[in-house]
């Protein structure tokens, strides 16, 4: 079933230093202090290795937790797939926030996937986190096809490529949750004519207020099973987008 709409997140803090989510903010999942410290250390390392951008690590954790707010309740208890996992945002944060979920982290770079496996182990989540060093187009044609309750995407690629790779991973009724660039919330970013080819339907766009600034999301649902011909061969969704 599609995830219900969520409540807005907390207003932006007047402080120049972003605060991490706290249990006193009822719309935010709780993130324990020891988990926060581990995540900050790991993501600082990922940033130093070039797996993350130069932004403040605390802000990036906060913005990742915003995915959980956008997903709504109840939290997922099945498989969540993350496209282009890179330095582990938002997947490693959400694996901690959602302790009953299992994860499929997809990235085609060997160095990044080796680091992701070690990071998930250090977080105590290795039993629930599978890291695959492979192109998303190929993973979507593996036994993981149509298995995911939720697919997350942060900076994976253009909308059409993201939708094509995610559609084949989603179970019927599942949700693709994408963080959009702040300036790119127009409906034409996710045209329904293009999504329909993949069995997808645009739900709603939300802007979640956080202490690190607003985060924009699009929620796209699998309303029919993705056709067998999708995704196309490796590279095609990016070189010849459907929309």
C-alpha atoms as a PDB file:
ATOM      1  CA  UNK A   1       0.000   0.000   0.000  1.00  0.00           C
ATOM      2  CA  UNK A   2       1.237   3.550  -0.668  1.00  0.00           C
ATOM      3  CA  UNK A   3       2.768   5.299   2.307  1.00  0.00           C
ATOM      4  CA  UNK A   4       0.458   7.863   3.948  1.00  0.00           C
ATOM      5  CA  UNK A   5       1.234  11.540   3.798  1.00  0.00           C
ATOM      6  CA  UNK A   6       3.527  12.741   6.562  1.00  0.00           C
ATOM      7  CA  UNK A   7       3.432  15.760   8.776  1.00  0.00           C
ATOM      8  CA  UNK A   8       5.852  18.646   8.149  1.00  0.00           C
ATOM      9  CA  UNK A   9       9.220  18.467   9.873  1.00  0.00           C
ATOM     10  CA  UNK A  10      10.430  20.954  12.475  1.00  0.00           C
ATOM     11  CA  UNK A  11      11.084  24.532  11.472  1.00  0.00           C
ATOM     12  CA  UNK A  12      14.617  25.564  10.596  1.00  0.00           C
ATOM     13  CA  UNK A  13      16.715  26.342  13.645  1.00  0.00           C
ATOM     14  CA  UNK A  14      17.893  29.944  13.961  1.00  0.00           C
ATOM     15  CA  UNK A  15      21.340  28.613  14.841  1.00  0.00           C
ATOM     16  CA  UNK A  16      23.949  28.478  12.083  1.00  0.00           C
ATOM     17  CA  UNK A  17      24.919  25.010  13.292  1.00  0.00           C
ATOM     18  CA  UNK A  18      22.334  22.384  12.267  1.00  0.00           C
ATOM     19  CA  UNK A  19      20.976  20.199  15.023  1.00  0.00           C
ATOM     20  CA  UNK A  20      20.353  16.522  14.510  1.00  0.00           C
ATOM     21  CA  UNK A  21      16.843  15.081  14.985  1.00  0.00           C
ATOM     22  CA  UNK A  22      15.808  14.668  18.617  1.00  0.00           C
ATOM     23  CA  UNK A  23      13.116  12.653  20.311  1.00  0.00           C
ATOM     24  CA  UNK A  24      11.546  15.919  21.527  1.00  0.00           C
ATOM     25  CA  UNK A  25      10.556  16.598  17.896  1.00  0.00           C
ATOM     26  CA  UNK A  26       7.591  14.218  17.525  1.00  0.00           C
ATOM     27  CA  UNK A  27       7.552  14.174  13.719  1.00  0.00           C
ATOM     28  CA  UNK A  28      11.157  12.976  13.562  1.00  0.00           C
ATOM     29  CA  UNK A  29      12.353   9.426  14.266  1.00  0.00           C
ATOM     30  CA  UNK A  30      14.703   9.178  17.209  1.00  0.00           C
ATOM     31  CA  UNK A  31      18.396   8.829  16.444  1.00  0.00           C
ATOM     32  CA  UNK A  32      20.386   7.740  19.495  1.00  0.00           C
ATOM     33  CA  UNK A  33      23.476   9.714  20.415  1.00  0.00           C
ATOM     34  CA  UNK A  34      25.842   6.748  19.982  1.00  0.00           C
ATOM     35  CA  UNK A  35      24.398   6.106  16.500  1.00  0.00           C
ATOM     36  CA  UNK A  36      24.800   9.769  15.620  1.00  0.00           C
ATOM     37  CA  UNK A  37      28.450   9.678  16.670  1.00  0.00           C
ATOM     38  CA  UNK A  38      29.128   6.564  14.576  1.00  0.00           C
ATOM     39  CA  UNK A  39      27.386   8.066  11.557  1.00  0.00           C
ATOM     40  CA  UNK A  40      29.288  11.329  11.867  1.00  0.00           C
ATOM     41  CA  UNK A  41      32.609   9.495  12.051  1.00  0.00           C
ATOM     42  CA  UNK A  42      31.811   7.221   9.106  1.00  0.00           C
ATOM     43  CA  UNK A  43      30.494   9.988   6.877  1.00  0.00           C
ATOM     44  CA  UNK A  44      33.479  12.193   7.679  1.00  0.00           C
ATOM     45  CA  UNK A  45      35.639   9.306   6.469  1.00  0.00           C
ATOM     46  CA  UNK A  46      33.466   8.895   3.356  1.00  0.00           C
ATOM     47  CA  UNK A  47      33.789  12.596   2.610  1.00  0.00           C
ATOM     48  CA  UNK A  48      37.574  12.413   2.991  1.00  0.00           C
ATOM     49  CA  UNK A  49      37.621   9.470   0.569  1.00  0.00           C
ATOM     50  CA  UNK A  50      35.663  11.479  -1.987  1.00  0.00           C
ATOM     51  CA  UNK A  51      32.482   9.414  -1.682  1.00  0.00           C
ATOM     52  CA  UNK A  52      30.457  12.402  -0.437  1.00  0.00           C
ATOM     53  CA  UNK A  53      30.423  16.076  -1.311  1.00  0.00           C
ATOM     54  CA  UNK A  54      32.133  18.716   0.834  1.00  0.00           C
ATOM     55  CA  UNK A  55      29.004  19.655   2.809  1.00  0.00           C
ATOM     56  CA  UNK A  56      28.706  19.519   6.582  1.00  0.00           C
ATOM     57  CA  UNK A  57      28.278  15.913   7.728  1.00  0.00           C
ATOM     58  CA  UNK A  58      25.747  16.793  10.432  1.00  0.00           C
ATOM     59  CA  UNK A  59      23.578  18.559   7.861  1.00  0.00           C
ATOM     60  CA  UNK A  60      23.761  15.576   5.521  1.00  0.00           C
ATOM     61  CA  UNK A  61      22.629  13.211   8.275  1.00  0.00           C
ATOM     62  CA  UNK A  62      19.733  15.498   9.115  1.00  0.00           C
ATOM     63  CA  UNK A  63      18.686  15.709   5.478  1.00  0.00           C
ATOM     64  CA  UNK A  64      18.835  11.914   5.219  1.00  0.00           C
ATOM     65  CA  UNK A  65      16.508  11.493   8.204  1.00  0.00           C
ATOM     66  CA  UNK A  66      14.066  13.707   6.288  1.00  0.00           C
ATOM     67  CA  UNK A  67      13.522  10.692   3.993  1.00  0.00           C
ATOM     68  CA  UNK A  68      11.948   8.891   6.962  1.00  0.00           C
ATOM     69  CA  UNK A  69       9.601  11.802   7.584  1.00  0.00           C
ATOM     70  CA  UNK A  70       8.619  11.932   3.910  1.00  0.00           C
ATOM     71  CA  UNK A  71       8.018   8.168   3.790  1.00  0.00           C
ATOM     72  CA  UNK A  72       5.441   8.439   6.565  1.00  0.00           C
ATOM     73  CA  UNK A  73       4.217   5.795   8.981  1.00  0.00           C
ATOM     74  CA  UNK A  74       4.289   2.918   9.553  1.00  0.00           C
ATOM     75  CA  UNK A  75       7.975   2.560   8.675  1.00  0.00           C
ATOM     76  CA  UNK A  76       8.967  -0.133   6.172  1.00  0.00           C
ATOM     77  CA  UNK A  77       9.598  -3.616   7.525  1.00  0.00           C
ATOM     78  CA  UNK A  78      10.480  -5.263   4.214  1.00  0.00           C
ATOM     79  CA  UNK A  79      13.143  -4.678   1.594  1.00  0.00           C
ATOM     80  CA  UNK A  80      14.300  -1.146   0.803  1.00  0.00           C
ATOM     81  CA  UNK A  81      16.570  -0.639  -2.221  1.00  0.00           C
ATOM     82  CA  UNK A  82      18.835   2.378  -2.546  1.00  0.00           C
ATOM     83  CA  UNK A  83      19.993   3.476  -5.997  1.00  0.00           C
ATOM     84  CA  UNK A  84      23.543   4.752  -6.327  1.00  0.00           C
ATOM     85  CA  UNK A  85      24.385   4.334  -2.655  1.00  0.00           C
ATOM     86  CA  UNK A  86      27.790   6.014  -2.963  1.00  0.00           C
ATOM     87  CA  UNK A  87      28.864   7.224   0.476  1.00  0.00           C
ATOM     88  CA  UNK A  88      25.854   5.738   2.248  1.00  0.00           C
ATOM     89  CA  UNK A  89      23.412   8.637   2.265  1.00  0.00           C
ATOM     90  CA  UNK A  90      20.557   8.211   2.955  1.00  0.00           C
ATOM     91  CA  UNK A  91      20.666   4.403   3.158  1.00  0.00           C
ATOM     92  CA  UNK A  92      22.919   3.875   6.181  1.00  0.00           C
ATOM     93  CA  UNK A  93      21.082   6.528   8.179  1.00  0.00           C
ATOM     94  CA  UNK A  94      17.689   5.028   7.343  1.00  0.00           C
ATOM     95  CA  UNK A  95      18.888   1.497   8.123  1.00  0.00           C
ATOM     96  CA  UNK A  96      19.456   2.732  11.683  1.00  0.00           C
ATOM     97  CA  UNK A  97      16.229   4.736  11.860  1.00  0.00           C
ATOM     98  CA  UNK A  98      14.201   1.733  10.576  1.00  0.00           C
ATOM     99  CA  UNK A  99      15.636  -1.233  12.543  1.00  0.00           C
ATOM    100  CA  UNK A 100      13.094  -3.738  11.166  1.00  0.00           C
ATOM    101  CA  UNK A 101      13.902  -2.994   7.522  1.00  0.00           C
ATOM    102  CA  UNK A 102      16.305  -4.879   5.260  1.00  0.00           C
ATOM    103  CA  UNK A 103      18.386  -3.107   2.647  1.00  0.00           C
ATOM    104  CA  UNK A 104      19.814  -3.534  -0.823  1.00  0.00           C
ATOM    105  CA  UNK A 105      22.508  -0.943  -1.493  1.00  0.00           C
ATOM    106  CA  UNK A 106      23.342  -0.667  -5.190  1.00  0.00           C
ATOM    107  CA  UNK A 107      26.484   0.979  -6.531  1.00  0.00           C
ATOM    108  CA  UNK A 108      28.730   0.066  -9.451  1.00  0.00           C
ATOM    109  CA  UNK A 109      31.999   1.283  -7.904  1.00  0.00           C
ATOM    110  CA  UNK A 110      34.128  -1.340  -6.132  1.00  0.00           C
ATOM    111  CA  UNK A 111      35.810   1.085  -3.705  1.00  0.00           C
ATOM    112  CA  UNK A 112      32.500   2.532  -2.595  1.00  0.00           C
ATOM    113  CA  UNK A 113      30.804  -0.837  -2.150  1.00  0.00           C
ATOM    114  CA  UNK A 114      33.761  -2.182  -0.142  1.00  0.00           C
ATOM    115  CA  UNK A 115      33.465   0.843   2.138  1.00  0.00           C
ATOM    116  CA  UNK A 116      29.677   0.452   2.409  1.00  0.00           C
ATOM    117  CA  UNK A 117      30.037  -3.144   3.596  1.00  0.00           C
ATOM    118  CA  UNK A 118      32.503  -2.116   6.284  1.00  0.00           C
ATOM    119  CA  UNK A 119      30.381   0.847   7.348  1.00  0.00           C
ATOM    120  CA  UNK A 120      27.234  -1.264   7.669  1.00  0.00           C
ATOM    121  CA  UNK A 121      29.188  -3.722   9.809  1.00  0.00           C
ATOM    122  CA  UNK A 122      30.504  -0.978  12.087  1.00  0.00           C
ATOM    123  CA  UNK A 123      26.927   0.258  12.515  1.00  0.00           C
ATOM    124  CA  UNK A 124      25.805  -3.236  13.548  1.00  0.00           C
ATOM    125  CA  UNK A 125      23.507  -3.509  10.526  1.00  0.00           C
ATOM    126  CA  UNK A 126      25.438  -5.963   8.339  1.00  0.00           C
ATOM    127  CA  UNK A 127      22.862  -8.721   8.828  1.00  0.00           C
ATOM    128  CA  UNK A 128      20.180  -6.471   7.323  1.00  0.00           C
ATOM    129  CA  UNK A 129      22.226  -4.729   4.636  1.00  0.00           C
ATOM    130  CA  UNK A 130      23.252  -6.331   1.344  1.00  0.00           C
ATOM    131  CA  UNK A 131      25.671  -4.324  -0.770  1.00  0.00           C
ATOM    132  CA  UNK A 132      25.793  -5.096  -4.485  1.00  0.00           C
ATOM    133  CA  UNK A 133      28.574  -3.854  -6.747  1.00  0.00           C
ATOM    134  CA  UNK A 134      26.622  -3.796  -9.991  1.00  0.00           C
ATOM    135  CA  UNK A 135      24.762  -1.520 -12.357  1.00  0.00           C
ATOM    136  CA  UNK A 136      21.175  -0.871 -11.279  1.00  0.00           C
ATOM    137  CA  UNK A 137      19.893  -1.989 -14.694  1.00  0.00           C
ATOM    138  CA  UNK A 138      21.305  -5.471 -14.046  1.00  0.00           C
ATOM    139  CA  UNK A 139      20.193  -5.689 -10.408  1.00  0.00           C
ATOM    140  CA  UNK A 140      16.654  -4.891 -11.561  1.00  0.00           C
ATOM    141  CA  UNK A 141      16.781  -8.053 -13.703  1.00  0.00           C
ATOM    142  CA  UNK A 142      18.061 -10.239 -10.878  1.00  0.00           C
ATOM    143  CA  UNK A 143      15.981 -12.196  -8.325  1.00  0.00           C
ATOM    144  CA  UNK A 144      15.509  -8.835  -6.570  1.00  0.00           C
ATOM    145  CA  UNK A 145      13.101  -7.761  -9.310  1.00  0.00           C
ATOM    146  CA  UNK A 146       9.721  -6.637  -7.889  1.00  0.00           C
ATOM    147  CA  UNK A 147      10.876  -7.302  -4.311  1.00  0.00           C
ATOM    148  CA  UNK A 148      11.288  -3.815  -2.814  1.00  0.00           C
ATOM    149  CA  UNK A 149       8.687  -2.173  -0.637  1.00  0.00           C
ATOM    150  CA  UNK A 150      10.497   1.132  -1.053  1.00  0.00           C
ATOM    151  CA  UNK A 151      13.222   2.479  -3.335  1.00  0.00           C
ATOM    152  CA  UNK A 152      15.197   5.546  -2.294  1.00  0.00           C
ATOM    153  CA  UNK A 153      17.223   7.751  -4.608  1.00  0.00           C
ATOM    154  CA  UNK A 154      19.473  10.701  -3.829  1.00  0.00           C
ATOM    155  CA  UNK A 155      21.443  12.105  -6.767  1.00  0.00           C
ATOM    156  CA  UNK A 156      21.264   8.812  -8.672  1.00  0.00           C
ATOM    157  CA  UNK A 157      20.574  10.292 -12.076  1.00  0.00           C
ATOM    158  CA  UNK A 158      18.009  12.087 -14.254  1.00  0.00           C
ATOM    159  CA  UNK A 159      14.324  11.467 -13.453  1.00  0.00           C
ATOM    160  CA  UNK A 160      13.684   9.104 -16.371  1.00  0.00           C
ATOM    161  CA  UNK A 161      16.690   6.881 -15.601  1.00  0.00           C
ATOM    162  CA  UNK A 162      15.838   6.828 -11.896  1.00  0.00           C
ATOM    163  CA  UNK A 163      12.235   5.842 -12.611  1.00  0.00           C
ATOM    164  CA  UNK A 164      13.195   3.129 -15.111  1.00  0.00           C
ATOM    165  CA  UNK A 165      15.675   1.459 -12.763  1.00  0.00           C
ATOM    166  CA  UNK A 166      13.400   1.754  -9.733  1.00  0.00           C
ATOM    167  CA  UNK A 167      10.206   0.522 -11.402  1.00  0.00           C
ATOM    168  CA  UNK A 168      11.490  -3.012 -11.922  1.00  0.00           C
ATOM    169  CA  UNK A 169      12.710  -3.251  -8.322  1.00  0.00           C
ATOM    170  CA  UNK A 170       9.392  -2.173  -6.781  1.00  0.00           C
ATOM    171  CA  UNK A 171       6.728  -4.585  -5.654  1.00  0.00           C
ATOM    172  CA  UNK A 172       3.191  -3.673  -6.643  1.00  0.00           C
ATOM    173  CA  UNK A 173       2.059  -0.814  -4.407  1.00  0.00           C
ATOM    174  CA  UNK A 174       5.637   0.095  -3.502  1.00  0.00           C
ATOM    175  CA  UNK A 175       7.009   3.618  -3.470  1.00  0.00           C
ATOM    176  CA  UNK A 176       9.939   5.364  -5.116  1.00  0.00           C
ATOM    177  CA  UNK A 177      11.025   8.191  -2.808  1.00  0.00           C
ATOM    178  CA  UNK A 178      13.310  10.687  -4.545  1.00  0.00           C
ATOM    179  CA  UNK A 179      14.958  13.796  -3.190  1.00  0.00           C
ATOM    180  CA  UNK A 180      14.550  16.514  -5.810  1.00  0.00           C
ATOM    181  CA  UNK A 181      16.709  19.579  -6.377  1.00  0.00           C
ATOM    182  CA  UNK A 182      15.004  22.557  -4.667  1.00  0.00           C
ATOM    183  CA  UNK A 183      14.411  24.315  -7.972  1.00  0.00           C
ATOM    184  CA  UNK A 184      13.109  21.216  -9.774  1.00  0.00           C
ATOM    185  CA  UNK A 185       9.728  20.549  -8.232  1.00  0.00           C
ATOM    186  CA  UNK A 186       7.690  21.261 -11.340  1.00  0.00           C
ATOM    187  CA  UNK A 187       5.257  18.516 -12.398  1.00  0.00           C
ATOM    188  CA  UNK A 188       7.026  18.147 -15.758  1.00  0.00           C
ATOM    189  CA  UNK A 189      10.017  16.659 -13.949  1.00  0.00           C
ATOM    190  CA  UNK A 190       7.908  13.501 -13.527  1.00  0.00           C
ATOM    191  CA  UNK A 191       5.450  13.505 -16.482  1.00  0.00           C
ATOM    192  CA  UNK A 192       2.664  10.987 -16.030  1.00  0.00           C
ATOM    193  CA  UNK A 193       2.807   9.894 -19.680  1.00  0.00           C
ATOM    194  CA  UNK A 194       6.390   8.758 -19.153  1.00  0.00           C
ATOM    195  CA  UNK A 195       5.784   7.176 -15.760  1.00  0.00           C
ATOM    196  CA  UNK A 196       2.829   5.176 -17.107  1.00  0.00           C
ATOM    197  CA  UNK A 197       5.156   3.274 -19.449  1.00  0.00           C
ATOM    198  CA  UNK A 198       6.816   1.878 -16.338  1.00  0.00           C
ATOM    199  CA  UNK A 199       3.674   1.133 -14.344  1.00  0.00           C
ATOM    200  CA  UNK A 200       4.276   4.151 -12.119  1.00  0.00           C
ATOM    201  CA  UNK A 201       2.084   7.002 -10.944  1.00  0.00           C
ATOM    202  CA  UNK A 202       3.172  10.287  -9.411  1.00  0.00           C
ATOM    203  CA  UNK A 203       1.855  10.693  -5.885  1.00  0.00           C
ATOM    204  CA  UNK A 204       2.732  13.984  -4.285  1.00  0.00           C
ATOM    205  CA  UNK A 205       5.633  16.338  -3.781  1.00  0.00           C
ATOM    206  CA  UNK A 206       6.591  17.353  -0.271  1.00  0.00           C
ATOM    207  CA  UNK A 207       9.040  19.820   1.176  1.00  0.00           C
ATOM    208  CA  UNK A 208      10.283  18.753   4.611  1.00  0.00           C
ATOM    209  CA  UNK A 209      11.647  21.527   6.805  1.00  0.00           C
ATOM    210  CA  UNK A 210      14.793  20.573   8.692  1.00  0.00           C
ATOM    211  CA  UNK A 211      17.453  22.304  10.754  1.00  0.00           C
ATOM    212  CA  UNK A 212      19.694  21.905   7.692  1.00  0.00           C
ATOM    213  CA  UNK A 213      17.191  23.585   5.379  1.00  0.00           C
ATOM    214  CA  UNK A 214      14.213  22.342   3.341  1.00  0.00           C
ATOM    215  CA  UNK A 215      14.415  19.008   1.524  1.00  0.00           C
ATOM    216  CA  UNK A 216      12.140  18.369  -1.465  1.00  0.00           C
ATOM    217  CA  UNK A 217      10.746  14.915  -2.232  1.00  0.00           C
ATOM    218  CA  UNK A 218       8.651  13.252  -4.904  1.00  0.00           C
ATOM    219  CA  UNK A 219       6.713  10.073  -4.081  1.00  0.00           C
ATOM    220  CA  UNK A 220       6.002   7.796  -7.043  1.00  0.00           C
ATOM    221  CA  UNK A 221       3.997   4.576  -6.717  1.00  0.00           C
ATOM    222  CA  UNK A 222       4.016   1.252  -8.559  1.00  0.00           C
ATOM    223  CA  UNK A 223       0.389   0.909  -9.657  1.00  0.00           C
ATOM    224  CA  UNK A 224       1.004  -1.936 -12.118  1.00  0.00           C
ATOM    225  CA  UNK A 225       3.870  -4.329 -12.693  1.00  0.00           C
ATOM    226  CA  UNK A 226       6.728  -2.944 -14.733  1.00  0.00           C
ATOM    227  CA  UNK A 227       6.870  -4.413 -18.234  1.00  0.00           C
ATOM    228  CA  UNK A 228       9.505  -7.096 -18.800  1.00  0.00           C
ATOM    229  CA  UNK A 229      11.391  -4.953 -21.331  1.00  0.00           C
ATOM    230  CA  UNK A 230      12.390  -2.458 -18.610  1.00  0.00           C
ATOM    231  CA  UNK A 231      14.940  -1.546 -17.609  1.00  0.00           C
ATOM    232  CA  UNK A 232      16.680  -1.592 -20.935  1.00  0.00           C
ATOM    233  CA  UNK A 233      20.322  -2.655 -21.359  1.00  0.00           C
ATOM    234  CA  UNK A 234      23.051  -1.000 -19.320  1.00  0.00           C
ATOM    235  CA  UNK A 235      23.371   2.695 -20.120  1.00  0.00           C
ATOM    236  CA  UNK A 236      20.225   2.984 -22.222  1.00  0.00           C
ATOM    237  CA  UNK A 237      18.054   4.636 -19.536  1.00  0.00           C
ATOM    238  CA  UNK A 238      20.640   7.415 -19.293  1.00  0.00           C
ATOM    239  CA  UNK A 239      21.519   7.767 -22.972  1.00  0.00           C
ATOM    240  CA  UNK A 240      17.975   7.434 -24.331  1.00  0.00           C
ATOM    241  CA  UNK A 241      15.627   8.551 -21.545  1.00  0.00           C
ATOM    242  CA  UNK A 242      11.952   7.656 -21.833  1.00  0.00           C
ATOM    243  CA  UNK A 243      10.946  11.224 -20.933  1.00  0.00           C
END
